[in-house]
Amino acid sequence: MSEKRFLTRSEFQVMLILWNLPNKGGFTHDILEVFEDPKPAYTTLATFLKILTKKGYVKSKKIGAMLYYVPSVTKEEYCKMVMDKAQVDYFDNDPTAFIAFILRNNTLTEEQKQAVKNLF
């Protein structure tokens, strides 16, 4: 994946909806329907989709008179990009320091702690 700009909170919210749509894509009205209240204006959502397309996170294809949007990046790919950048920028690219920080600064249940241990 080429270097992409990070998403704003609102852009990420749109991407979460796209990633979770049954067909992994949809028309603007499909996306708007899933938003919780207060829903953005149709034109605001259309602007976000245009920005996401320009940033390379979304692809669109014209079906009739409407655009159908699909993510061009998976949620896992985006999360990996964000976590990799955090590891480099804040932890001198040291995965041990990164993981230790997460473990120290998150409230994990005993079950979650055991699940983390089982990963190793």
PDB file of N, CA and C in Angstrom:
ATOM      1  N   MET A   1       0.851  -1.175   0.000  1.00  0.00           N
ATOM      2  CA  MET A   1       0.000   0.000   0.000  1.00  0.00           C
ATOM      3  C   MET A   1       0.891   1.232   0.000  1.00  0.00           C
ATOM      4  N   SER A   2       0.613   2.143  -0.891  1.00  0.00           N
ATOM      5  CA  SER A   2       1.405   3.367  -0.944  1.00  0.00           C
ATOM      6  C   SER A   2       1.103   4.233   0.271  1.00  0.00           C
ATOM      7  N   GLU A   3       1.965   5.221   0.499  1.00  0.00           N
ATOM      8  CA  GLU A   3       1.802   6.121   1.645  1.00  0.00           C
ATOM      9  C   GLU A   3       0.484   6.881   1.514  1.00  0.00           C
ATOM     10  N   LYS A   4      -0.395   6.706   2.475  1.00  0.00           N
ATOM     11  CA  LYS A   4      -1.683   7.381   2.465  1.00  0.00           C
ATOM     12  C   LYS A   4      -1.752   8.336   3.652  1.00  0.00           C
ATOM     13  N   ARG A   5      -2.528   9.379   3.480  1.00  0.00           N
ATOM     14  CA  ARG A   5      -2.764  10.291   4.594  1.00  0.00           C
ATOM     15  C   ARG A   5      -3.745   9.643   5.549  1.00  0.00           C
ATOM     16  N   PHE A   6      -3.591   9.946   6.823  1.00  0.00           N
ATOM     17  CA  PHE A   6      -4.475   9.369   7.826  1.00  0.00           C
ATOM     18  C   PHE A   6      -5.865   9.966   7.719  1.00  0.00           C
ATOM     19  N   LEU A   7      -6.813   9.243   8.248  1.00  0.00           N
ATOM     20  CA  LEU A   7      -8.208   9.652   8.201  1.00  0.00           C
ATOM     21  C   LEU A   7      -8.565  10.550   9.380  1.00  0.00           C
ATOM     22  N   THR A   8      -9.455  11.501   9.126  1.00  0.00           N
ATOM     23  CA  THR A   8     -10.029  12.275  10.217  1.00  0.00           C
ATOM     24  C   THR A   8     -11.055  11.387  10.924  1.00  0.00           C
ATOM     25  N   ARG A   9     -11.527  11.832  12.066  1.00  0.00           N
ATOM     26  CA  ARG A   9     -12.538  11.074  12.809  1.00  0.00           C
ATOM     27  C   ARG A   9     -13.783  10.843  11.944  1.00  0.00           C
ATOM     28  N   SER A  10     -14.241  11.870  11.245  1.00  0.00           N
ATOM     29  CA  SER A  10     -15.442  11.743  10.410  1.00  0.00           C
ATOM     30  C   SER A  10     -15.200  10.813   9.225  1.00  0.00           C
ATOM     31  N   GLU A  11     -14.040  10.907   8.615  1.00  0.00           N
ATOM     32  CA  GLU A  11     -13.707  10.018   7.501  1.00  0.00           C
ATOM     33  C   GLU A  11     -13.650   8.571   7.978  1.00  0.00           C
ATOM     34  N   PHE A  12     -13.062   8.359   9.158  1.00  0.00           N
ATOM     35  CA  PHE A  12     -12.976   7.017   9.712  1.00  0.00           C
ATOM     36  C   PHE A  12     -14.371   6.467   9.994  1.00  0.00           C
ATOM     37  N   GLN A  13     -15.272   7.315  10.462  1.00  0.00           N
ATOM     38  CA  GLN A  13     -16.642   6.899  10.725  1.00  0.00           C
ATOM     39  C   GLN A  13     -17.309   6.406   9.432  1.00  0.00           C
ATOM     40  N   VAL A  14     -17.079   7.114   8.337  1.00  0.00           N
ATOM     41  CA  VAL A  14     -17.626   6.697   7.040  1.00  0.00           C
ATOM     42  C   VAL A  14     -17.009   5.358   6.625  1.00  0.00           C
ATOM     43  N   MET A  15     -15.699   5.229   6.815  1.00  0.00           N
ATOM     44  CA  MET A  15     -15.026   3.986   6.448  1.00  0.00           C
ATOM     45  C   MET A  15     -15.555   2.815   7.281  1.00  0.00           C
ATOM     46  N   LEU A  16     -15.787   3.029   8.584  1.00  0.00           N
ATOM     47  CA  LEU A  16     -16.338   1.961   9.421  1.00  0.00           C
ATOM     48  C   LEU A  16     -17.665   1.463   8.862  1.00  0.00           C
ATOM     49  N   ILE A  17     -18.482   2.394   8.417  1.00  0.00           N
ATOM     50  CA  ILE A  17     -19.773   2.004   7.841  1.00  0.00           C
ATOM     51  C   ILE A  17     -19.546   1.218   6.560  1.00  0.00           C
ATOM     52  N   LEU A  18     -18.679   1.713   5.677  1.00  0.00           N
ATOM     53  CA  LEU A  18     -18.405   1.005   4.425  1.00  0.00           C
ATOM     54  C   LEU A  18     -17.878  -0.406   4.691  1.00  0.00           C
ATOM     55  N   TRP A  19     -16.921  -0.530   5.611  1.00  0.00           N
ATOM     56  CA  TRP A  19     -16.357  -1.841   5.924  1.00  0.00           C
ATOM     57  C   TRP A  19     -17.411  -2.810   6.449  1.00  0.00           C
ATOM     58  N   ASN A  20     -18.445  -2.281   7.097  1.00  0.00           N
ATOM     59  CA  ASN A  20     -19.441  -3.134   7.726  1.00  0.00           C
ATOM     60  C   ASN A  20     -20.721  -3.323   6.923  1.00  0.00           C
ATOM     61  N   LEU A  21     -20.834  -2.670   5.786  1.00  0.00           N
ATOM     62  CA  LEU A  21     -22.016  -2.881   4.949  1.00  0.00           C
ATOM     63  C   LEU A  21     -22.019  -4.327   4.452  1.00  0.00           C
ATOM     64  N   PRO A  22     -23.187  -4.927   4.307  1.00  0.00           N
ATOM     65  CA  PRO A  22     -23.264  -6.332   3.897  1.00  0.00           C
ATOM     66  C   PRO A  22     -22.496  -6.640   2.605  1.00  0.00           C
ATOM     67  N   ASN A  23     -22.549  -5.754   1.647  1.00  0.00           N
ATOM     68  CA  ASN A  23     -21.855  -5.985   0.367  1.00  0.00           C
ATOM     69  C   ASN A  23     -20.486  -5.319   0.328  1.00  0.00           C
ATOM     70  N   LYS A  24     -20.012  -4.819   1.491  1.00  0.00           N
ATOM     71  CA  LYS A  24     -18.720  -4.118   1.585  1.00  0.00           C
ATOM     72  C   LYS A  24     -18.667  -2.924   0.628  1.00  0.00           C
ATOM     73  N   GLY A  25     -19.807  -2.306   0.432  1.00  0.00           N
ATOM     74  CA  GLY A  25     -19.893  -1.130  -0.409  1.00  0.00           C
ATOM     75  C   GLY A  25     -21.332  -0.689  -0.513  1.00  0.00           C
ATOM     76  N   GLY A  26     -21.534   0.503  -1.074  1.00  0.00           N
ATOM     77  CA  GLY A  26     -22.901   0.971  -1.229  1.00  0.00           C
ATOM     78  C   GLY A  26     -22.972   2.351  -1.842  1.00  0.00           C
ATOM     79  N   PHE A  27     -24.188   2.757  -2.091  1.00  0.00           N
ATOM     80  CA  PHE A  27     -24.460   4.094  -2.595  1.00  0.00           C
ATOM     81  C   PHE A  27     -24.492   5.061  -1.409  1.00  0.00           C
ATOM     82  N   THR A  28     -24.435   6.334  -1.683  1.00  0.00           N
ATOM     83  CA  THR A  28     -24.440   7.346  -0.630  1.00  0.00           C
ATOM     84  C   THR A  28     -25.636   7.155   0.300  1.00  0.00           C
ATOM     85  N   HIS A  29     -26.805   6.894  -0.269  1.00  0.00           N
ATOM     86  CA  HIS A  29     -28.000   6.731   0.585  1.00  0.00           C
ATOM     87  C   HIS A  29     -27.897   5.473   1.468  1.00  0.00           C
ATOM     88  N   ASP A  30     -27.205   4.423   0.989  1.00  0.00           N
ATOM     89  CA  ASP A  30     -27.001   3.224   1.817  1.00  0.00           C
ATOM     90  C   ASP A  30     -26.150   3.550   3.036  1.00  0.00           C
ATOM     91  N   ILE A  31     -25.123   4.341   2.808  1.00  0.00           N
ATOM     92  CA  ILE A  31     -24.204   4.719   3.883  1.00  0.00           C
ATOM     93  C   ILE A  31     -24.919   5.635   4.874  1.00  0.00           C
ATOM     94  N   LEU A  32     -25.641   6.606   4.344  1.00  0.00           N
ATOM     95  CA  LEU A  32     -26.367   7.567   5.178  1.00  0.00           C
ATOM     96  C   LEU A  32     -27.393   6.860   6.069  1.00  0.00           C
ATOM     97  N   GLU A  33     -28.018   5.836   5.540  1.00  0.00           N
ATOM     98  CA  GLU A  33     -29.042   5.088   6.276  1.00  0.00           C
ATOM     99  C   GLU A  33     -28.479   4.457   7.558  1.00  0.00           C
ATOM    100  N   VAL A  34     -27.202   4.084   7.535  1.00  0.00           N
ATOM    101  CA  VAL A  34     -26.588   3.393   8.671  1.00  0.00           C
ATOM    102  C   VAL A  34     -26.102   4.364   9.744  1.00  0.00           C
ATOM    103  N   PHE A  35     -25.870   5.617   9.382  1.00  0.00           N
ATOM    104  CA  PHE A  35     -25.409   6.611  10.354  1.00  0.00           C
ATOM    105  C   PHE A  35     -26.397   6.741  11.493  1.00  0.00           C
ATOM    106  N   GLU A  36     -25.853   6.880  12.697  1.00  0.00           N
ATOM    107  CA  GLU A  36     -26.710   7.169  13.841  1.00  0.00           C
ATOM    108  C   GLU A  36     -27.066   8.650  13.825  1.00  0.00           C
ATOM    109  N   ASP A  37     -28.128   9.008  14.513  1.00  0.00           N
ATOM    110  CA  ASP A  37     -28.518  10.413  14.619  1.00  0.00           C
ATOM    111  C   ASP A  37     -27.540  11.156  15.502  1.00  0.00           C
ATOM    112  N   PRO A  38     -27.215  12.358  15.235  1.00  0.00           N
ATOM    113  CA  PRO A  38     -27.656  13.134  14.077  1.00  0.00           C
ATOM    114  C   PRO A  38     -26.882  12.736  12.819  1.00  0.00           C
ATOM    115  N   LYS A  39     -27.614  12.410  11.784  1.00  0.00           N
ATOM    116  CA  LYS A  39     -27.007  12.026  10.515  1.00  0.00           C
ATOM    117  C   LYS A  39     -26.439  13.263   9.818  1.00  0.00           C
ATOM    118  N   PRO A  40     -25.330  13.096   9.106  1.00  0.00           N
ATOM    119  CA  PRO A  40     -24.826  14.238   8.338  1.00  0.00           C
ATOM    120  C   PRO A  40     -25.756  14.512   7.156  1.00  0.00           C
ATOM    121  N   ALA A  41     -25.665  15.686   6.607  1.00  0.00           N
ATOM    122  CA  ALA A  41     -26.425  16.005   5.400  1.00  0.00           C
ATOM    123  C   ALA A  41     -25.912  15.131   4.257  1.00  0.00           C
ATOM    124  N   TYR A  42     -26.776  14.823   3.327  1.00  0.00           N
ATOM    125  CA  TYR A  42     -26.405  14.011   2.166  1.00  0.00           C
ATOM    126  C   TYR A  42     -25.198  14.613   1.466  1.00  0.00           C
ATOM    127  N   THR A  43     -25.204  15.934   1.303  1.00  0.00           N
ATOM    128  CA  THR A  43     -24.090  16.596   0.596  1.00  0.00           C
ATOM    129  C   THR A  43     -22.793  16.519   1.395  1.00  0.00           C
ATOM    130  N   THR A  44     -22.891  16.547   2.724  1.00  0.00           N
ATOM    131  CA  THR A  44     -21.702  16.416   3.573  1.00  0.00           C
ATOM    132  C   THR A  44     -21.101  15.034   3.398  1.00  0.00           C
ATOM    133  N   LEU A  45     -21.943  14.008   3.429  1.00  0.00           N
ATOM    134  CA  LEU A  45     -21.467  12.650   3.228  1.00  0.00           C
ATOM    135  C   LEU A  45     -20.851  12.496   1.843  1.00  0.00           C
ATOM    136  N   ALA A  46     -21.483  13.072   0.841  1.00  0.00           N
ATOM    137  CA  ALA A  46     -20.941  13.007  -0.522  1.00  0.00           C
ATOM    138  C   ALA A  46     -19.552  13.651  -0.581  1.00  0.00           C
ATOM    139  N   THR A  47     -19.358  14.726   0.157  1.00  0.00           N
ATOM    140  CA  THR A  47     -18.045  15.388   0.214  1.00  0.00           C
ATOM    141  C   THR A  47     -17.018  14.469   0.869  1.00  0.00           C
ATOM    142  N   PHE A  48     -17.390  13.830   1.978  1.00  0.00           N
ATOM    143  CA  PHE A  48     -16.477  12.889   2.637  1.00  0.00           C
ATOM    144  C   PHE A  48     -16.090  11.753   1.685  1.00  0.00           C
ATOM    145  N   LEU A  49     -17.055  11.234   0.947  1.00  0.00           N
ATOM    146  CA  LEU A  49     -16.770  10.144   0.012  1.00  0.00           C
ATOM    147  C   LEU A  49     -15.833  10.604  -1.101  1.00  0.00           C
ATOM    148  N   LYS A  50     -16.011  11.835  -1.540  1.00  0.00           N
ATOM    149  CA  LYS A  50     -15.114  12.392  -2.562  1.00  0.00           C
ATOM    150  C   LYS A  50     -13.685  12.508  -2.004  1.00  0.00           C
ATOM    151  N   ILE A  51     -13.560  12.981  -0.771  1.00  0.00           N
ATOM    152  CA  ILE A  51     -12.247  13.118  -0.127  1.00  0.00           C
ATOM    153  C   ILE A  51     -11.605  11.740   0.053  1.00  0.00           C
ATOM    154  N   LEU A  52     -12.392  10.764   0.507  1.00  0.00           N
ATOM    155  CA  LEU A  52     -11.871   9.410   0.706  1.00  0.00           C
ATOM    156  C   LEU A  52     -11.418   8.790  -0.610  1.00  0.00           C
ATOM    157  N   THR A  53     -12.120   9.113  -1.677  1.00  0.00           N
ATOM    158  CA  THR A  53     -11.718   8.640  -3.002  1.00  0.00           C
ATOM    159  C   THR A  53     -10.398   9.280  -3.407  1.00  0.00           C
ATOM    160  N   LYS A  54     -10.287  10.585  -3.179  1.00  0.00           N
ATOM    161  CA  LYS A  54      -9.060  11.306  -3.519  1.00  0.00           C
ATOM    162  C   LYS A  54      -7.863  10.801  -2.706  1.00  0.00           C
ATOM    163  N   LYS A  55      -8.100  10.453  -1.434  1.00  0.00           N
ATOM    164  CA  LYS A  55      -7.037   9.938  -0.565  1.00  0.00           C
ATOM    165  C   LYS A  55      -6.667   8.494  -0.900  1.00  0.00           C
ATOM    166  N   GLY A  56      -7.497   7.830  -1.702  1.00  0.00           N
ATOM    167  CA  GLY A  56      -7.202   6.462  -2.107  1.00  0.00           C
ATOM    168  C   GLY A  56      -7.793   5.387  -1.224  1.00  0.00           C
ATOM    169  N   TYR A  57      -8.683   5.741  -0.325  1.00  0.00           N
ATOM    170  CA  TYR A  57      -9.298   4.767   0.567  1.00  0.00           C
ATOM    171  C   TYR A  57     -10.570   4.152  -0.008  1.00  0.00           C
ATOM    172  N   VAL A  58     -11.160   4.826  -0.976  1.00  0.00           N
ATOM    173  CA  VAL A  58     -12.429   4.396  -1.553  1.00  0.00           C
ATOM    174  C   VAL A  58     -12.324   4.474  -3.075  1.00  0.00           C
ATOM    175  N   LYS A  59     -12.982   3.515  -3.723  1.00  0.00           N
ATOM    176  CA  LYS A  59     -13.127   3.558  -5.176  1.00  0.00           C
ATOM    177  C   LYS A  59     -14.613   3.678  -5.471  1.00  0.00           C
ATOM    178  N   SER A  60     -14.912   4.336  -6.567  1.00  0.00           N
ATOM    179  CA  SER A  60     -16.317   4.459  -6.937  1.00  0.00           C
ATOM    180  C   SER A  60     -16.499   4.022  -8.384  1.00  0.00           C
ATOM    181  N   LYS A  61     -17.704   3.513  -8.651  1.00  0.00           N
ATOM    182  CA  LYS A  61     -18.063   3.206 -10.032  1.00  0.00           C
ATOM    183  C   LYS A  61     -19.480   3.697 -10.251  1.00  0.00           C
ATOM    184  N   LYS A  62     -19.688   4.197 -11.437  1.00  0.00           N
ATOM    185  CA  LYS A  62     -20.995   4.765 -11.759  1.00  0.00           C
ATOM    186  C   LYS A  62     -21.938   3.645 -12.170  1.00  0.00           C
ATOM    187  N   ILE A  63     -23.065   3.598 -11.497  1.00  0.00           N
ATOM    188  CA  ILE A  63     -24.121   2.655 -11.836  1.00  0.00           C
ATOM    189  C   ILE A  63     -25.362   3.495 -12.102  1.00  0.00           C
ATOM    190  N   GLY A  64     -25.736   3.549 -13.339  1.00  0.00           N
ATOM    191  CA  GLY A  64     -26.821   4.451 -13.725  1.00  0.00           C
ATOM    192  C   GLY A  64     -26.353   5.882 -13.517  1.00  0.00           C
ATOM    193  N   ALA A  65     -27.124   6.637 -12.768  1.00  0.00           N
ATOM    194  CA  ALA A  65     -26.762   8.027 -12.501  1.00  0.00           C
ATOM    195  C   ALA A  65     -26.081   8.195 -11.148  1.00  0.00           C
ATOM    196  N   MET A  66     -25.849   7.080 -10.443  1.00  0.00           N
ATOM    197  CA  MET A  66     -25.330   7.159  -9.079  1.00  0.00           C
ATOM    198  C   MET A  66     -23.963   6.499  -8.965  1.00  0.00           C
ATOM    199  N   LEU A  67     -23.210   6.924  -7.942  1.00  0.00           N
ATOM    200  CA  LEU A  67     -21.907   6.329  -7.674  1.00  0.00           C
ATOM    201  C   LEU A  67     -22.032   5.277  -6.589  1.00  0.00           C
ATOM    202  N   TYR A  68     -21.392   4.131  -6.824  1.00  0.00           N
ATOM    203  CA  TYR A  68     -21.338   3.034  -5.864  1.00  0.00           C
ATOM    204  C   TYR A  68     -19.931   3.031  -5.277  1.00  0.00           C
ATOM    205  N   TYR A  69     -19.820   3.084  -3.955  1.00  0.00           N
ATOM    206  CA  TYR A  69     -18.529   3.210  -3.284  1.00  0.00           C
ATOM    207  C   TYR A  69     -18.123   1.899  -2.617  1.00  0.00           C
ATOM    208  N   VAL A  70     -16.848   1.543  -2.785  1.00  0.00           N
ATOM    209  CA  VAL A  70     -16.292   0.366  -2.114  1.00  0.00           C
ATOM    210  C   VAL A  70     -14.946   0.751  -1.516  1.00  0.00           C
ATOM    211  N   PRO A  71     -14.627   0.203  -0.350  1.00  0.00           N
ATOM    212  CA  PRO A  71     -13.316   0.491   0.243  1.00  0.00           C
ATOM    213  C   PRO A  71     -12.206  -0.114  -0.619  1.00  0.00           C
ATOM    214  N   SER A  72     -11.122   0.613  -0.768  1.00  0.00           N
ATOM    215  CA  SER A  72      -9.955   0.074  -1.478  1.00  0.00           C
ATOM    216  C   SER A  72      -8.884  -0.355  -0.482  1.00  0.00           C
ATOM    217  N   VAL A  73      -9.160  -0.141   0.798  1.00  0.00           N
ATOM    218  CA  VAL A  73      -8.268  -0.536   1.891  1.00  0.00           C
ATOM    219  C   VAL A  73      -9.130  -1.245   2.926  1.00  0.00           C
ATOM    220  N   THR A  74      -8.668  -2.371   3.431  1.00  0.00           N
ATOM    221  CA  THR A  74      -9.418  -3.062   4.478  1.00  0.00           C
ATOM    222  C   THR A  74      -9.196  -2.355   5.816  1.00  0.00           C
ATOM    223  N   LYS A  75     -10.070  -2.643   6.749  1.00  0.00           N
ATOM    224  CA  LYS A  75      -9.915  -2.082   8.091  1.00  0.00           C
ATOM    225  C   LYS A  75      -8.600  -2.561   8.697  1.00  0.00           C
ATOM    226  N   GLU A  76      -8.280  -3.815   8.486  1.00  0.00           N
ATOM    227  CA  GLU A  76      -7.026  -4.362   9.015  1.00  0.00           C
ATOM    228  C   GLU A  76      -5.809  -3.642   8.418  1.00  0.00           C
ATOM    229  N   GLU A  77      -5.837  -3.381   7.119  1.00  0.00           N
ATOM    230  CA  GLU A  77      -4.722  -2.664   6.487  1.00  0.00           C
ATOM    231  C   GLU A  77      -4.573  -1.260   7.066  1.00  0.00           C
ATOM    232  N   TYR A  78      -5.710  -0.577   7.262  1.00  0.00           N
ATOM    233  CA  TYR A  78      -5.640   0.774   7.820  1.00  0.00           C
ATOM    234  C   TYR A  78      -5.115   0.750   9.254  1.00  0.00           C
ATOM    235  N   CYS A  79      -5.638  -0.166  10.064  1.00  0.00           N
ATOM    236  CA  CYS A  79      -5.188  -0.261  11.458  1.00  0.00           C
ATOM    237  C   CYS A  79      -3.700  -0.584  11.529  1.00  0.00           C
ATOM    238  N   LYS A  80      -3.235  -1.463  10.666  1.00  0.00           N
ATOM    239  CA  LYS A  80      -1.813  -1.793  10.630  1.00  0.00           C
ATOM    240  C   LYS A  80      -0.978  -0.560  10.303  1.00  0.00           C
ATOM    241  N   MET A  81      -1.446   0.235   9.340  1.00  0.00           N
ATOM    242  CA  MET A  81      -0.729   1.450   8.959  1.00  0.00           C
ATOM    243  C   MET A  81      -0.643   2.412  10.152  1.00  0.00           C
ATOM    244  N   VAL A  82      -1.742   2.581  10.867  1.00  0.00           N
ATOM    245  CA  VAL A  82      -1.777   3.489  12.017  1.00  0.00           C
ATOM    246  C   VAL A  82      -0.859   2.973  13.132  1.00  0.00           C
ATOM    247  N   MET A  83      -0.948   1.683  13.427  1.00  0.00           N
ATOM    248  CA  MET A  83      -0.125   1.102  14.499  1.00  0.00           C
ATOM    249  C   MET A  83       1.363   1.110  14.129  1.00  0.00           C
ATOM    250  N   ASP A  84       1.685   0.819  12.880  1.00  0.00           N
ATOM    251  CA  ASP A  84       3.087   0.866  12.442  1.00  0.00           C
ATOM    252  C   ASP A  84       3.657   2.265  12.611  1.00  0.00           C
ATOM    253  N   LYS A  85       2.872   3.269  12.238  1.00  0.00           N
ATOM    254  CA  LYS A  85       3.341   4.655  12.353  1.00  0.00           C
ATOM    255  C   LYS A  85       3.513   5.036  13.819  1.00  0.00           C
ATOM    256  N   ALA A  86       2.585   4.620  14.671  1.00  0.00           N
ATOM    257  CA  ALA A  86       2.708   4.907  16.104  1.00  0.00           C
ATOM    258  C   ALA A  86       3.952   4.251  16.677  1.00  0.00           C
ATOM    259  N   GLN A  87       4.200   3.012  16.283  1.00  0.00           N
ATOM    260  CA  GLN A  87       5.383   2.303  16.778  1.00  0.00           C
ATOM    261  C   GLN A  87       6.660   3.029  16.370  1.00  0.00           C
ATOM    262  N   VAL A  88       6.729   3.484  15.133  1.00  0.00           N
ATOM    263  CA  VAL A  88       7.921   4.194  14.641  1.00  0.00           C
ATOM    264  C   VAL A  88       8.047   5.557  15.312  1.00  0.00           C
ATOM    265  N   ASP A  89       6.955   6.322  15.325  1.00  0.00           N
ATOM    266  CA  ASP A  89       7.007   7.704  15.799  1.00  0.00           C
ATOM    267  C   ASP A  89       7.162   7.839  17.314  1.00  0.00           C
ATOM    268  N   TYR A  90       6.542   6.939  18.074  1.00  0.00           N
ATOM    269  CA  TYR A  90       6.502   7.119  19.524  1.00  0.00           C
ATOM    270  C   TYR A  90       7.322   6.111  20.318  1.00  0.00           C
ATOM    271  N   PHE A  91       7.737   5.021  19.684  1.00  0.00           N
ATOM    272  CA  PHE A  91       8.437   3.969  20.414  1.00  0.00           C
ATOM    273  C   PHE A  91       9.734   3.538  19.724  1.00  0.00           C
ATOM    274  N   ASP A  92      10.323   4.453  18.944  1.00  0.00           N
ATOM    275  CA  ASP A  92      11.600   4.198  18.263  1.00  0.00           C
ATOM    276  C   ASP A  92      11.583   2.869  17.514  1.00  0.00           C
ATOM    277  N   ASN A  93      10.442   2.549  16.947  1.00  0.00           N
ATOM    278  CA  ASN A  93      10.255   1.324  16.167  1.00  0.00           C
ATOM    279  C   ASN A  93      10.575   0.063  16.980  1.00  0.00           C
ATOM    280  N   ASP A  94      10.334   0.138  18.273  1.00  0.00           N
ATOM    281  CA  ASP A  94      10.585  -1.000  19.170  1.00  0.00           C
ATOM    282  C   ASP A  94       9.246  -1.647  19.532  1.00  0.00           C
ATOM    283  N   PRO A  95       8.948  -2.803  18.933  1.00  0.00           N
ATOM    284  CA  PRO A  95       7.647  -3.429  19.205  1.00  0.00           C
ATOM    285  C   PRO A  95       7.467  -3.821  20.666  1.00  0.00           C
ATOM    286  N   THR A  96       8.548  -4.150  21.344  1.00  0.00           N
ATOM    287  CA  THR A  96       8.444  -4.517  22.760  1.00  0.00           C
ATOM    288  C   THR A  96       7.963  -3.328  23.585  1.00  0.00           C
ATOM    289  N   ALA A  97       8.541  -2.159  23.344  1.00  0.00           N
ATOM    290  CA  ALA A  97       8.126  -0.948  24.063  1.00  0.00           C
ATOM    291  C   ALA A  97       6.675  -0.594  23.733  1.00  0.00           C
ATOM    292  N   PHE A  98       6.310  -0.792  22.472  1.00  0.00           N
ATOM    293  CA  PHE A  98       4.951  -0.495  22.030  1.00  0.00           C
ATOM    294  C   PHE A  98       3.945  -1.404  22.746  1.00  0.00           C
ATOM    295  N   ILE A  99       4.210  -2.691  22.766  1.00  0.00           N
ATOM    296  CA  ILE A  99       3.315  -3.647  23.410  1.00  0.00           C
ATOM    297  C   ILE A  99       3.266  -3.410  24.917  1.00  0.00           C
ATOM    298  N   ALA A 100       4.418  -3.137  25.517  1.00  0.00           N
ATOM    299  CA  ALA A 100       4.463  -2.866  26.958  1.00  0.00           C
ATOM    300  C   ALA A 100       3.614  -1.652  27.302  1.00  0.00           C
ATOM    301  N   PHE A 101       3.690  -0.617  26.488  1.00  0.00           N
ATOM    302  CA  PHE A 101       2.882   0.582  26.714  1.00  0.00           C
ATOM    303  C   PHE A 101       1.399   0.244  26.675  1.00  0.00           C
ATOM    304  N   ILE A 102       1.004  -0.510  25.675  1.00  0.00           N
ATOM    305  CA  ILE A 102      -0.403  -0.883  25.536  1.00  0.00           C
ATOM    306  C   ILE A 102      -0.857  -1.684  26.756  1.00  0.00           C
ATOM    307  N   LEU A 103      -0.035  -2.627  27.172  1.00  0.00           N
ATOM    308  CA  LEU A 103      -0.408  -3.466  28.319  1.00  0.00           C
ATOM    309  C   LEU A 103      -0.463  -2.674  29.619  1.00  0.00           C
ATOM    310  N   ARG A 104       0.443  -1.715  29.778  1.00  0.00           N
ATOM    311  CA  ARG A 104       0.470  -0.904  31.005  1.00  0.00           C
ATOM    312  C   ARG A 104      -0.672   0.095  31.060  1.00  0.00           C
ATOM    313  N   ASN A 105      -1.108   0.580  29.921  1.00  0.00           N
ATOM    314  CA  ASN A 105      -2.050   1.696  29.898  1.00  0.00           C
ATOM    315  C   ASN A 105      -3.459   1.332  29.468  1.00  0.00           C
ATOM    316  N   ASN A 106      -3.770   0.085  29.465  1.00  0.00           N
ATOM    317  CA  ASN A 106      -5.126  -0.358  29.164  1.00  0.00           C
ATOM    318  C   ASN A 106      -5.611  -1.242  30.300  1.00  0.00           C
ATOM    319  N   THR A 107      -6.883  -1.165  30.574  1.00  0.00           N
ATOM    320  CA  THR A 107      -7.467  -2.001  31.603  1.00  0.00           C
ATOM    321  C   THR A 107      -7.887  -3.304  30.944  1.00  0.00           C
ATOM    322  N   LEU A 108      -7.131  -4.354  31.226  1.00  0.00           N
ATOM    323  CA  LEU A 108      -7.428  -5.660  30.655  1.00  0.00           C
ATOM    324  C   LEU A 108      -8.015  -6.563  31.729  1.00  0.00           C
ATOM    325  N   THR A 109      -8.994  -7.327  31.332  1.00  0.00           N
ATOM    326  CA  THR A 109      -9.521  -8.334  32.248  1.00  0.00           C
ATOM    327  C   THR A 109      -8.507  -9.470  32.323  1.00  0.00           C
ATOM    328  N   GLU A 110      -8.665 -10.323  33.315  1.00  0.00           N
ATOM    329  CA  GLU A 110      -7.762 -11.475  33.433  1.00  0.00           C
ATOM    330  C   GLU A 110      -7.851 -12.349  32.187  1.00  0.00           C
ATOM    331  N   GLU A 111      -9.043 -12.484  31.654  1.00  0.00           N
ATOM    332  CA  GLU A 111      -9.237 -13.285  30.437  1.00  0.00           C
ATOM    333  C   GLU A 111      -8.479 -12.676  29.253  1.00  0.00           C
ATOM    334  N   GLN A 112      -8.533 -11.360  29.141  1.00  0.00           N
ATOM    335  CA  GLN A 112      -7.813 -10.681  28.059  1.00  0.00           C
ATOM    336  C   GLN A 112      -6.302 -10.802  28.242  1.00  0.00           C
ATOM    337  N   LYS A 113      -5.832 -10.682  29.490  1.00  0.00           N
ATOM    338  CA  LYS A 113      -4.396 -10.843  29.755  1.00  0.00           C
ATOM    339  C   LYS A 113      -3.939 -12.242  29.356  1.00  0.00           C
ATOM    340  N   GLN A 114      -4.754 -13.239  29.671  1.00  0.00           N
ATOM    341  CA  GLN A 114      -4.406 -14.618  29.307  1.00  0.00           C
ATOM    342  C   GLN A 114      -4.404 -14.766  27.785  1.00  0.00           C
ATOM    343  N   ALA A 115      -5.341 -14.145  27.109  1.00  0.00           N
ATOM    344  CA  ALA A 115      -5.391 -14.215  25.644  1.00  0.00           C
ATOM    345  C   ALA A 115      -4.137 -13.612  25.034  1.00  0.00           C
ATOM    346  N   VAL A 116      -3.647 -12.494  25.615  1.00  0.00           N
ATOM    347  CA  VAL A 116      -2.419 -11.869  25.133  1.00  0.00           C
ATOM    348  C   VAL A 116      -1.233 -12.820  25.358  1.00  0.00           C
ATOM    349  N   LYS A 117      -1.161 -13.423  26.532  1.00  0.00           N
ATOM    350  CA  LYS A 117      -0.088 -14.369  26.827  1.00  0.00           C
ATOM    351  C   LYS A 117      -0.105 -15.535  25.843  1.00  0.00           C
ATOM    352  N   ASN A 118      -1.296 -16.006  25.508  1.00  0.00           N
ATOM    353  CA  ASN A 118      -1.434 -17.132  24.589  1.00  0.00           C
ATOM    354  C   ASN A 118      -0.960 -16.788  23.172  1.00  0.00           C
ATOM    355  N   LEU A 119      -0.956 -15.524  22.840  1.00  0.00           N
ATOM    356  CA  LEU A 119      -0.467 -15.109  21.517  1.00  0.00           C
ATOM    357  C   LEU A 119       1.013 -15.399  21.357  1.00  0.00           C
ATOM    358  N   PHE A 120       1.718 -15.394  22.495  1.00  0.00           N
ATOM    359  CA  PHE A 120       3.165 -15.605  22.454  1.00  0.00           C
ATOM    360  C   PHE A 120       3.498 -17.023  22.817  1.00  0.00           C
TER     361      PHE A 120
END
